[in-house]
Amino acid sequence: MSPDKLIYMANQIASFFKYKPHEEAVAGIADHINSFWEPRMRSQLFAILKTGSTDLSPLVVDAGSAIRKPKA
C-alpha cells in the first residue's frame, strides 16, 4: 500500500477519536489498528513513524507505542 494511503487511513481513524479524551483516543486508535490492520500494514506504519513524518496525526504518533509490532 502506498505510504500516502496508509497515512490517510491512520488519520481517518484519528479523526474519529479526536473528540475523546486524549488517553481514550490513543487507546482507541491503537485498538483499532491492532484489531483490523494486517501485520504488513502495521510494519509500514512503523516505518513511517520512524521517519518522523509530520503527515501523521499527533494522536496516531502517540498511539504508536501501544500498536503491536508485527513479528519479523
Foldseek 3Di string as FASTA:
>chain_A
DDLVVLLVVLQVLLVVLVVPPLVVSLVSSQVCCQVPPDLVSLQSVVVCLVVVDPSHDVSSNSSNVVHDHDDD
